[in-house]
Amino acid sequence: MDSYAYLANEFRDRIEAIANAVDELAPKLESASTLLFNQLVRDQKLLICAASGDAFCAEYIARSARQGDQDSAAIPCIAFTTKYPADKSAALLDDLRPVCRDGDVLLVIDTEKTAPLVKATLKFAYERNLHLLLLSEVSEADDAVCIPIVAVKRELRTELALMASHSLLNLLQRLMIGEL
C-alpha cells in the first residue's frame, strides 16, 4: 500500500468514527451546554480537568473558552492538568480544591479505557457540590452528564474528545447570544 492509500484509509476511519458518534453525542452535548449555561448565568465557572495525553485538550479548550470571539463572550474557565497518568491525580485534585466553589462545573476529559481520572473525580465533585460533565467512555455516573467518547483507538477517542469539547463550547456560545 502506498502512502496516499494509507492516508486515505486513515482519514476515512477518522471521518467514519466521528460520523458514527454524532447521534449519541448530540443530545448529551445539548444537555451539557444547557447545564453549563445555567451555571454561568449564576456566576459560576467552568473547570476542566485532564491528565497525561488529554492535558493538551483541556488546556486548548480552556484557552479557547476564555478568548471567545467577535460573536460571543469569553467564558470563565480554568484548566487543571498534569503530565502524569490519571491514577496519580491526587496533586491535581489538591490544585483544584481551593479554586472550586459550590455550583461550579467540572468537565473531566479522560480518554483512557479504564477512565482513572473520572473515577478519582467522582467523589471529589460530589463532596465539593460541583456539577460534573464527563468526556469519557464511562457512560454512567450519578448526577453527571456523561458524554460518551467511544472509539477503538485512543487517538480517535482524543480526536472525538476535542471535537466534542469544541461543539460544547459552540453550543454554549450560541446559547449565550440567544441563537438557540
N, C-alpha and C. Protein backbone atom coordinates (compact mmCIF):
# COMPACT_ATOMS: atom_id res chain seq x y z
N MET A 1 0.85 -1.17 0.00
CA MET A 1 0.00 0.00 0.00
C MET A 1 0.91 1.24 0.00
N ASP A 2 0.64 2.17 -0.89
CA ASP A 2 1.45 3.39 -0.94
C ASP A 2 0.97 4.40 0.12
N SER A 3 1.70 5.47 0.27
CA SER A 3 1.40 6.47 1.31
C SER A 3 0.03 7.09 1.13
N TYR A 4 -0.32 7.39 -0.10
CA TYR A 4 -1.62 8.01 -0.35
C TYR A 4 -2.76 7.07 0.08
N ALA A 5 -2.69 5.83 -0.30
CA ALA A 5 -3.75 4.87 0.05
C ALA A 5 -3.83 4.70 1.58
N TYR A 6 -2.68 4.65 2.23
CA TYR A 6 -2.65 4.53 3.69
C TYR A 6 -3.33 5.74 4.33
N LEU A 7 -2.94 6.94 3.89
CA LEU A 7 -3.51 8.16 4.46
C LEU A 7 -5.01 8.27 4.16
N ALA A 8 -5.40 7.88 2.97
CA ALA A 8 -6.82 7.92 2.61
C ALA A 8 -7.62 7.01 3.55
N ASN A 9 -7.09 5.82 3.83
CA ASN A 9 -7.76 4.92 4.78
C ASN A 9 -7.82 5.52 6.18
N GLU A 10 -6.73 6.14 6.61
CA GLU A 10 -6.69 6.78 7.94
C GLU A 10 -7.77 7.87 8.03
N PHE A 11 -7.87 8.71 7.02
CA PHE A 11 -8.86 9.77 7.02
C PHE A 11 -10.27 9.19 7.02
N ARG A 12 -10.51 8.18 6.20
CA ARG A 12 -11.84 7.55 6.16
C ARG A 12 -12.21 6.98 7.52
N ASP A 13 -11.26 6.31 8.19
CA ASP A 13 -11.53 5.74 9.51
C ASP A 13 -11.91 6.83 10.51
N ARG A 14 -11.19 7.93 10.48
CA ARG A 14 -11.47 9.03 11.41
C ARG A 14 -12.83 9.67 11.11
N ILE A 15 -13.10 9.92 9.85
CA ILE A 15 -14.37 10.51 9.46
C ILE A 15 -15.52 9.59 9.83
N GLU A 16 -15.36 8.31 9.62
CA GLU A 16 -16.39 7.34 9.96
C GLU A 16 -16.63 7.30 11.47
N ALA A 17 -15.56 7.30 12.26
CA ALA A 17 -15.71 7.29 13.72
C ALA A 17 -16.46 8.53 14.19
N ILE A 18 -16.13 9.67 13.62
CA ILE A 18 -16.79 10.92 14.01
C ILE A 18 -18.26 10.90 13.57
N ALA A 19 -18.51 10.50 12.34
CA ALA A 19 -19.88 10.45 11.83
C ALA A 19 -20.74 9.49 12.64
N ASN A 20 -20.17 8.37 13.04
CA ASN A 20 -20.93 7.38 13.82
C ASN A 20 -21.23 7.86 15.24
N ALA A 21 -20.47 8.81 15.73
CA ALA A 21 -20.63 9.30 17.10
C ALA A 21 -21.69 10.39 17.23
N VAL A 22 -22.07 11.02 16.14
CA VAL A 22 -22.95 12.19 16.19
C VAL A 22 -24.27 11.90 16.88
N ASP A 23 -24.94 10.82 16.53
CA ASP A 23 -26.26 10.54 17.09
C ASP A 23 -26.22 10.38 18.60
N GLU A 24 -25.17 9.78 19.11
CA GLU A 24 -25.05 9.60 20.55
C GLU A 24 -24.56 10.86 21.25
N LEU A 25 -23.68 11.61 20.61
CA LEU A 25 -23.10 12.80 21.24
C LEU A 25 -24.04 13.99 21.28
N ALA A 26 -24.81 14.21 20.23
CA ALA A 26 -25.61 15.43 20.10
C ALA A 26 -26.53 15.69 21.30
N PRO A 27 -27.36 14.74 21.73
CA PRO A 27 -28.24 15.05 22.87
C PRO A 27 -27.47 15.28 24.18
N LYS A 28 -26.38 14.58 24.35
CA LYS A 28 -25.56 14.76 25.56
C LYS A 28 -24.88 16.12 25.56
N LEU A 29 -24.39 16.55 24.40
CA LEU A 29 -23.77 17.87 24.29
C LEU A 29 -24.80 18.98 24.52
N GLU A 30 -26.02 18.76 24.05
CA GLU A 30 -27.08 19.73 24.29
C GLU A 30 -27.38 19.85 25.78
N SER A 31 -27.48 18.72 26.48
CA SER A 31 -27.71 18.74 27.93
C SER A 31 -26.56 19.42 28.66
N ALA A 32 -25.34 19.10 28.25
CA ALA A 32 -24.16 19.69 28.89
C ALA A 32 -24.11 21.20 28.68
N SER A 33 -24.41 21.66 27.46
CA SER A 33 -24.37 23.11 27.20
C SER A 33 -25.45 23.85 27.99
N THR A 34 -26.60 23.24 28.14
CA THR A 34 -27.68 23.86 28.92
C THR A 34 -27.28 23.96 30.39
N LEU A 35 -26.74 22.88 30.94
CA LEU A 35 -26.27 22.90 32.32
C LEU A 35 -25.21 23.98 32.51
N LEU A 36 -24.25 24.00 31.62
CA LEU A 36 -23.17 24.97 31.72
C LEU A 36 -23.70 26.41 31.61
N PHE A 37 -24.59 26.64 30.67
CA PHE A 37 -25.19 27.96 30.52
C PHE A 37 -25.90 28.39 31.80
N ASN A 38 -26.72 27.48 32.36
CA ASN A 38 -27.46 27.80 33.58
C ASN A 38 -26.53 28.14 34.74
N GLN A 39 -25.40 27.49 34.82
CA GLN A 39 -24.46 27.77 35.90
C GLN A 39 -23.68 29.05 35.64
N LEU A 40 -23.33 29.31 34.41
CA LEU A 40 -22.58 30.53 34.09
C LEU A 40 -23.41 31.78 34.37
N VAL A 41 -24.71 31.74 34.08
CA VAL A 41 -25.55 32.90 34.37
C VAL A 41 -25.72 33.10 35.88
N ARG A 42 -25.36 32.08 36.66
CA ARG A 42 -25.36 32.19 38.13
C ARG A 42 -23.97 32.56 38.65
N ASP A 43 -23.12 33.02 37.75
CA ASP A 43 -21.77 33.48 38.09
C ASP A 43 -20.86 32.33 38.55
N GLN A 44 -21.07 31.15 38.01
CA GLN A 44 -20.18 30.01 38.29
C GLN A 44 -19.14 29.96 37.17
N LYS A 45 -18.20 29.05 37.29
CA LYS A 45 -17.15 28.92 36.28
C LYS A 45 -17.02 27.47 35.83
N LEU A 46 -16.34 27.32 34.72
CA LEU A 46 -16.04 26.01 34.16
C LEU A 46 -14.61 25.64 34.54
N LEU A 47 -14.46 24.48 35.14
CA LEU A 47 -13.16 23.94 35.49
C LEU A 47 -12.96 22.69 34.65
N ILE A 48 -11.84 22.61 33.97
CA ILE A 48 -11.57 21.45 33.13
C ILE A 48 -10.39 20.70 33.73
N CYS A 49 -10.55 19.40 33.85
CA CYS A 49 -9.55 18.57 34.49
C CYS A 49 -9.15 17.44 33.53
N ALA A 50 -7.83 17.26 33.35
CA ALA A 50 -7.35 16.19 32.46
C ALA A 50 -5.92 15.83 32.85
N ALA A 51 -5.54 14.64 32.48
CA ALA A 51 -4.20 14.15 32.81
C ALA A 51 -3.53 13.56 31.58
N SER A 52 -2.24 13.47 31.64
CA SER A 52 -1.43 12.79 30.64
C SER A 52 -1.73 13.32 29.24
N GLY A 53 -2.06 12.43 28.32
CA GLY A 53 -2.27 12.80 26.92
C GLY A 53 -3.49 13.68 26.69
N ASP A 54 -4.41 13.74 27.65
CA ASP A 54 -5.61 14.58 27.50
C ASP A 54 -5.38 16.01 27.97
N ALA A 55 -4.24 16.26 28.60
CA ALA A 55 -3.97 17.59 29.16
C ALA A 55 -3.97 18.67 28.09
N PHE A 56 -3.39 18.37 26.94
CA PHE A 56 -3.35 19.40 25.89
C PHE A 56 -4.75 19.80 25.47
N CYS A 57 -5.66 18.85 25.42
CA CYS A 57 -7.04 19.12 25.01
C CYS A 57 -7.70 20.07 26.02
N ALA A 58 -7.53 19.78 27.30
CA ALA A 58 -8.12 20.62 28.35
C ALA A 58 -7.56 22.04 28.29
N GLU A 59 -6.26 22.15 28.13
CA GLU A 59 -5.63 23.48 28.07
C GLU A 59 -6.09 24.26 26.84
N TYR A 60 -6.18 23.58 25.72
CA TYR A 60 -6.62 24.23 24.48
C TYR A 60 -8.07 24.70 24.59
N ILE A 61 -8.94 23.86 25.11
CA ILE A 61 -10.35 24.21 25.23
C ILE A 61 -10.52 25.36 26.23
N ALA A 62 -9.79 25.32 27.34
CA ALA A 62 -9.89 26.40 28.33
C ALA A 62 -9.45 27.73 27.72
N ARG A 63 -8.36 27.70 26.99
CA ARG A 63 -7.87 28.92 26.34
C ARG A 63 -8.89 29.43 25.32
N SER A 64 -9.45 28.53 24.54
CA SER A 64 -10.47 28.92 23.55
C SER A 64 -11.70 29.52 24.23
N ALA A 65 -12.12 28.93 25.34
CA ALA A 65 -13.29 29.42 26.07
C ALA A 65 -13.04 30.82 26.62
N ARG A 66 -11.86 31.05 27.17
CA ARG A 66 -11.54 32.36 27.76
C ARG A 66 -11.43 33.46 26.72
N GLN A 67 -11.00 33.11 25.52
CA GLN A 67 -10.81 34.11 24.48
C GLN A 67 -12.11 34.57 23.83
N GLY A 68 -13.05 33.65 23.66
CA GLY A 68 -14.26 34.00 22.94
C GLY A 68 -13.92 34.44 21.53
N ASP A 69 -14.83 35.11 20.88
CA ASP A 69 -14.56 35.70 19.56
C ASP A 69 -15.47 36.90 19.37
N GLN A 70 -15.50 37.46 18.17
CA GLN A 70 -16.28 38.67 17.95
C GLN A 70 -17.78 38.45 18.12
N ASP A 71 -18.23 37.20 18.00
CA ASP A 71 -19.66 36.93 18.12
C ASP A 71 -20.08 36.40 19.48
N SER A 72 -19.13 36.18 20.39
CA SER A 72 -19.50 35.59 21.67
C SER A 72 -18.61 36.09 22.79
N ALA A 73 -19.14 35.98 23.99
CA ALA A 73 -18.41 36.41 25.18
C ALA A 73 -17.42 35.34 25.61
N ALA A 74 -16.42 35.77 26.33
CA ALA A 74 -15.47 34.84 26.93
C ALA A 74 -16.17 34.08 28.05
N ILE A 75 -15.75 32.87 28.27
CA ILE A 75 -16.32 32.00 29.30
C ILE A 75 -15.30 31.85 30.42
N PRO A 76 -15.69 32.08 31.67
CA PRO A 76 -14.75 31.90 32.77
C PRO A 76 -14.37 30.43 32.91
N CYS A 77 -13.12 30.14 32.65
CA CYS A 77 -12.70 28.74 32.54
C CYS A 77 -11.24 28.59 32.96
N ILE A 78 -10.94 27.53 33.68
CA ILE A 78 -9.58 27.22 34.11
C ILE A 78 -9.33 25.74 33.85
N ALA A 79 -8.16 25.43 33.30
CA ALA A 79 -7.77 24.02 33.09
C ALA A 79 -6.82 23.60 34.20
N PHE A 80 -7.06 22.42 34.74
CA PHE A 80 -6.17 21.80 35.72
C PHE A 80 -5.66 20.52 35.09
N THR A 81 -4.37 20.49 34.83
CA THR A 81 -3.82 19.35 34.11
C THR A 81 -2.53 18.86 34.77
N THR A 82 -2.19 17.65 34.43
CA THR A 82 -0.93 17.07 34.85
C THR A 82 -0.39 16.22 33.72
N LYS A 83 0.92 16.19 33.61
CA LYS A 83 1.53 15.34 32.58
C LYS A 83 1.60 13.89 33.03
N TYR A 84 1.31 13.67 34.29
CA TYR A 84 1.39 12.32 34.85
C TYR A 84 0.11 11.55 34.57
N PRO A 85 0.16 10.22 34.64
CA PRO A 85 -1.05 9.42 34.43
C PRO A 85 -2.14 9.78 35.43
N ALA A 86 -3.36 9.59 35.03
CA ALA A 86 -4.51 9.98 35.85
C ALA A 86 -4.57 9.25 37.18
N ASP A 87 -4.00 8.05 37.27
CA ASP A 87 -4.05 7.35 38.55
C ASP A 87 -3.13 8.00 39.59
N LYS A 88 -2.37 8.99 39.18
CA LYS A 88 -1.53 9.76 40.10
C LYS A 88 -2.11 11.17 40.23
N SER A 89 -3.44 11.26 40.33
CA SER A 89 -4.14 12.54 40.21
C SER A 89 -4.36 13.26 41.53
N ALA A 90 -3.85 12.78 42.64
CA ALA A 90 -4.09 13.43 43.93
C ALA A 90 -3.63 14.89 43.90
N ALA A 91 -2.48 15.15 43.32
CA ALA A 91 -1.98 16.54 43.26
C ALA A 91 -2.88 17.40 42.41
N LEU A 92 -3.45 16.84 41.37
CA LEU A 92 -4.37 17.59 40.50
C LEU A 92 -5.60 18.03 41.29
N LEU A 93 -6.14 17.13 42.09
CA LEU A 93 -7.31 17.47 42.90
C LEU A 93 -6.93 18.45 44.01
N ASP A 94 -5.72 18.36 44.53
CA ASP A 94 -5.25 19.33 45.53
C ASP A 94 -5.19 20.73 44.94
N ASP A 95 -4.77 20.85 43.67
CA ASP A 95 -4.73 22.15 43.00
C ASP A 95 -6.14 22.68 42.74
N LEU A 96 -7.05 21.79 42.43
CA LEU A 96 -8.42 22.15 42.11
C LEU A 96 -9.22 22.58 43.34
N ARG A 97 -8.96 21.95 44.46
CA ARG A 97 -9.74 22.15 45.69
C ARG A 97 -9.92 23.63 46.10
N PRO A 98 -8.87 24.44 46.19
CA PRO A 98 -9.09 25.82 46.66
C PRO A 98 -9.75 26.75 45.64
N VAL A 99 -9.83 26.34 44.40
CA VAL A 99 -10.36 27.20 43.35
C VAL A 99 -11.85 26.98 43.11
N CYS A 100 -12.31 25.76 43.34
CA CYS A 100 -13.71 25.47 43.03
C CYS A 100 -14.62 25.92 44.17
N ARG A 101 -15.87 26.20 43.79
CA ARG A 101 -16.87 26.55 44.79
C ARG A 101 -18.18 25.87 44.40
N ASP A 102 -19.06 25.75 45.36
CA ASP A 102 -20.35 25.10 45.11
C ASP A 102 -20.98 25.64 43.84
N GLY A 103 -21.44 24.73 42.99
CA GLY A 103 -22.14 25.12 41.77
C GLY A 103 -21.28 25.25 40.54
N ASP A 104 -19.94 25.27 40.70
CA ASP A 104 -19.08 25.30 39.52
C ASP A 104 -19.28 24.02 38.72
N VAL A 105 -18.88 24.06 37.46
CA VAL A 105 -19.00 22.90 36.58
C VAL A 105 -17.61 22.33 36.36
N LEU A 106 -17.46 21.04 36.61
CA LEU A 106 -16.20 20.35 36.40
C LEU A 106 -16.34 19.45 35.18
N LEU A 107 -15.57 19.77 34.14
CA LEU A 107 -15.52 18.96 32.93
C LEU A 107 -14.27 18.08 33.02
N VAL A 108 -14.46 16.79 33.03
CA VAL A 108 -13.34 15.85 33.11
C VAL A 108 -13.16 15.19 31.75
N ILE A 109 -11.97 15.34 31.19
CA ILE A 109 -11.64 14.71 29.91
C ILE A 109 -10.73 13.53 30.21
N ASP A 110 -11.20 12.33 29.90
CA ASP A 110 -10.43 11.12 30.20
C ASP A 110 -10.66 10.11 29.09
N THR A 111 -9.70 10.00 28.17
CA THR A 111 -9.84 9.08 27.04
C THR A 111 -9.18 7.73 27.30
N GLU A 112 -8.71 7.50 28.52
CA GLU A 112 -8.16 6.18 28.87
C GLU A 112 -9.31 5.18 28.92
N LYS A 113 -9.07 3.96 28.51
CA LYS A 113 -10.11 2.92 28.51
C LYS A 113 -10.71 2.72 29.90
N THR A 114 -9.88 2.73 30.94
CA THR A 114 -10.37 2.46 32.29
C THR A 114 -10.83 3.71 33.02
N ALA A 115 -10.66 4.88 32.42
CA ALA A 115 -11.11 6.17 32.96
C ALA A 115 -10.69 6.42 34.41
N PRO A 116 -9.40 6.35 34.72
CA PRO A 116 -8.98 6.54 36.11
C PRO A 116 -9.23 7.95 36.65
N LEU A 117 -9.14 8.96 35.80
CA LEU A 117 -9.39 10.32 36.28
C LEU A 117 -10.86 10.53 36.60
N VAL A 118 -11.73 9.97 35.79
CA VAL A 118 -13.16 10.05 36.07
C VAL A 118 -13.44 9.44 37.44
N LYS A 119 -12.87 8.27 37.67
CA LYS A 119 -13.11 7.59 38.95
C LYS A 119 -12.59 8.42 40.12
N ALA A 120 -11.45 9.08 39.95
CA ALA A 120 -10.88 9.90 41.02
C ALA A 120 -11.69 11.16 41.28
N THR A 121 -12.32 11.70 40.26
CA THR A 121 -13.03 12.98 40.43
C THR A 121 -14.49 12.82 40.83
N LEU A 122 -15.07 11.65 40.68
CA LEU A 122 -16.49 11.48 41.03
C LEU A 122 -16.76 11.85 42.49
N LYS A 123 -16.00 11.27 43.39
CA LYS A 123 -16.18 11.55 44.82
C LYS A 123 -15.86 13.02 45.12
N PHE A 124 -14.79 13.52 44.53
CA PHE A 124 -14.38 14.90 44.73
C PHE A 124 -15.50 15.86 44.33
N ALA A 125 -16.08 15.66 43.17
CA ALA A 125 -17.14 16.54 42.66
C ALA A 125 -18.35 16.51 43.59
N TYR A 126 -18.69 15.32 44.05
CA TYR A 126 -19.83 15.19 44.96
C TYR A 126 -19.57 15.94 46.27
N GLU A 127 -18.38 15.74 46.84
CA GLU A 127 -18.03 16.39 48.11
C GLU A 127 -18.00 17.91 47.99
N ARG A 128 -17.58 18.42 46.83
CA ARG A 128 -17.46 19.86 46.63
C ARG A 128 -18.71 20.49 46.01
N ASN A 129 -19.75 19.71 45.80
CA ASN A 129 -21.01 20.17 45.23
C ASN A 129 -20.80 20.81 43.85
N LEU A 130 -20.06 20.10 43.01
CA LEU A 130 -19.80 20.54 41.64
C LEU A 130 -20.72 19.81 40.68
N HIS A 131 -21.09 20.48 39.61
CA HIS A 131 -21.81 19.82 38.52
C HIS A 131 -20.76 19.15 37.66
N LEU A 132 -21.00 17.92 37.30
CA LEU A 132 -19.98 17.12 36.63
C LEU A 132 -20.36 16.80 35.19
N LEU A 133 -19.43 17.11 34.28
CA LEU A 133 -19.54 16.72 32.87
C LEU A 133 -18.38 15.77 32.59
N LEU A 134 -18.68 14.63 32.02
CA LEU A 134 -17.64 13.64 31.74
C LEU A 134 -17.52 13.41 30.25
N LEU A 135 -16.32 13.61 29.71
CA LEU A 135 -15.99 13.23 28.33
C LEU A 135 -15.15 11.98 28.45
N SER A 136 -15.79 10.83 28.31
CA SER A 136 -15.12 9.58 28.61
C SER A 136 -15.93 8.40 28.10
N GLU A 137 -15.30 7.22 28.11
CA GLU A 137 -16.07 6.02 27.80
C GLU A 137 -16.98 5.62 28.96
N VAL A 138 -16.73 6.16 30.14
CA VAL A 138 -17.62 5.92 31.27
C VAL A 138 -18.96 6.53 30.91
N SER A 139 -19.99 5.72 30.88
CA SER A 139 -21.27 6.21 30.40
C SER A 139 -22.31 6.40 31.50
N GLU A 140 -21.98 5.98 32.69
CA GLU A 140 -22.93 6.12 33.79
C GLU A 140 -22.24 6.67 35.02
N ALA A 141 -22.77 7.73 35.55
CA ALA A 141 -22.33 8.28 36.82
C ALA A 141 -23.50 9.08 37.37
N ASP A 142 -23.81 8.87 38.63
CA ASP A 142 -24.91 9.60 39.25
C ASP A 142 -24.64 11.09 39.20
N ASP A 143 -25.68 11.85 38.93
CA ASP A 143 -25.60 13.31 38.94
C ASP A 143 -24.52 13.86 38.03
N ALA A 144 -24.30 13.24 36.89
CA ALA A 144 -23.31 13.73 35.93
C ALA A 144 -23.90 13.66 34.52
N VAL A 145 -23.48 14.59 33.69
CA VAL A 145 -23.80 14.48 32.26
C VAL A 145 -22.62 13.74 31.64
N CYS A 146 -22.89 12.56 31.14
CA CYS A 146 -21.84 11.72 30.56
C CYS A 146 -21.89 11.81 29.05
N ILE A 147 -20.81 12.33 28.50
CA ILE A 147 -20.70 12.48 27.05
C ILE A 147 -19.78 11.36 26.58
N PRO A 148 -20.35 10.35 25.94
CA PRO A 148 -19.57 9.15 25.62
C PRO A 148 -18.55 9.37 24.50
N ILE A 149 -17.32 9.09 24.81
CA ILE A 149 -16.22 9.18 23.84
C ILE A 149 -15.76 7.74 23.61
N VAL A 150 -16.31 7.14 22.57
CA VAL A 150 -16.08 5.72 22.32
C VAL A 150 -15.45 5.52 20.95
N ALA A 151 -14.29 4.90 20.94
CA ALA A 151 -13.60 4.54 19.70
C ALA A 151 -12.58 3.46 20.05
N VAL A 152 -12.21 2.69 19.06
CA VAL A 152 -11.28 1.58 19.29
C VAL A 152 -9.90 2.10 19.69
N LYS A 153 -9.40 3.08 18.98
CA LYS A 153 -8.05 3.60 19.23
C LYS A 153 -8.11 4.83 20.13
N ARG A 154 -7.11 4.95 21.00
CA ARG A 154 -7.06 6.11 21.89
C ARG A 154 -6.96 7.41 21.09
N GLU A 155 -6.19 7.41 20.02
CA GLU A 155 -6.05 8.64 19.24
C GLU A 155 -7.39 9.09 18.68
N LEU A 156 -8.25 8.15 18.32
CA LEU A 156 -9.59 8.53 17.85
C LEU A 156 -10.44 9.06 19.00
N ARG A 157 -10.29 8.46 20.19
CA ARG A 157 -11.02 8.98 21.35
C ARG A 157 -10.57 10.41 21.66
N THR A 158 -9.26 10.66 21.53
CA THR A 158 -8.75 12.01 21.77
C THR A 158 -9.33 12.99 20.76
N GLU A 159 -9.38 12.61 19.50
CA GLU A 159 -9.96 13.48 18.47
C GLU A 159 -11.44 13.73 18.73
N LEU A 160 -12.16 12.68 19.13
CA LEU A 160 -13.58 12.85 19.45
C LEU A 160 -13.76 13.77 20.66
N ALA A 161 -12.89 13.63 21.66
CA ALA A 161 -12.99 14.50 22.84
C ALA A 161 -12.76 15.96 22.47
N LEU A 162 -11.78 16.19 21.62
CA LEU A 162 -11.50 17.56 21.19
C LEU A 162 -12.67 18.11 20.38
N MET A 163 -13.19 17.32 19.48
CA MET A 163 -14.32 17.76 18.67
C MET A 163 -15.57 17.99 19.53
N ALA A 164 -15.82 17.08 20.47
CA ALA A 164 -16.98 17.23 21.35
C ALA A 164 -16.82 18.48 22.22
N SER A 165 -15.61 18.74 22.70
CA SER A 165 -15.36 19.94 23.52
C SER A 165 -15.64 21.20 22.72
N HIS A 166 -15.16 21.24 21.50
CA HIS A 166 -15.44 22.40 20.64
C HIS A 166 -16.93 22.56 20.40
N SER A 167 -17.59 21.47 20.14
CA SER A 167 -19.04 21.54 19.90
C SER A 167 -19.77 22.03 21.14
N LEU A 168 -19.33 21.58 22.31
CA LEU A 168 -19.92 22.04 23.57
C LEU A 168 -19.75 23.55 23.71
N LEU A 169 -18.55 24.05 23.46
CA LEU A 169 -18.33 25.50 23.54
C LEU A 169 -19.16 26.26 22.52
N ASN A 170 -19.25 25.73 21.31
CA ASN A 170 -20.05 26.40 20.27
C ASN A 170 -21.52 26.47 20.66
N LEU A 171 -22.06 25.36 21.17
CA LEU A 171 -23.46 25.37 21.62
C LEU A 171 -23.65 26.37 22.76
N LEU A 172 -22.72 26.38 23.70
CA LEU A 172 -22.80 27.29 24.83
C LEU A 172 -22.77 28.74 24.36
N GLN A 173 -21.86 29.05 23.46
CA GLN A 173 -21.78 30.43 22.98
C GLN A 173 -23.04 30.84 22.22
N ARG A 174 -23.62 29.92 21.49
CA ARG A 174 -24.89 30.24 20.81
C ARG A 174 -26.01 30.48 21.81
N LEU A 175 -26.02 29.71 22.90
CA LEU A 175 -27.00 29.94 23.96
C LEU A 175 -26.79 31.32 24.59
N MET A 176 -25.53 31.68 24.79
CA MET A 176 -25.20 32.95 25.45
C MET A 176 -25.63 34.16 24.63
N ILE A 177 -25.60 34.04 23.31
CA ILE A 177 -26.00 35.19 22.49
C ILE A 177 -27.44 35.07 22.00
N GLY A 178 -28.16 34.04 22.49
CA GLY A 178 -29.58 33.91 22.20
C GLY A 178 -29.90 33.32 20.85
N GLU A 179 -28.98 32.59 20.25
CA GLU A 179 -29.27 31.97 18.95
C GLU A 179 -29.91 30.60 19.08
N LEU A 180 -29.95 30.05 20.27
CA LEU A 180 -30.60 28.74 20.48
C LEU A 180 -31.68 28.86 21.53
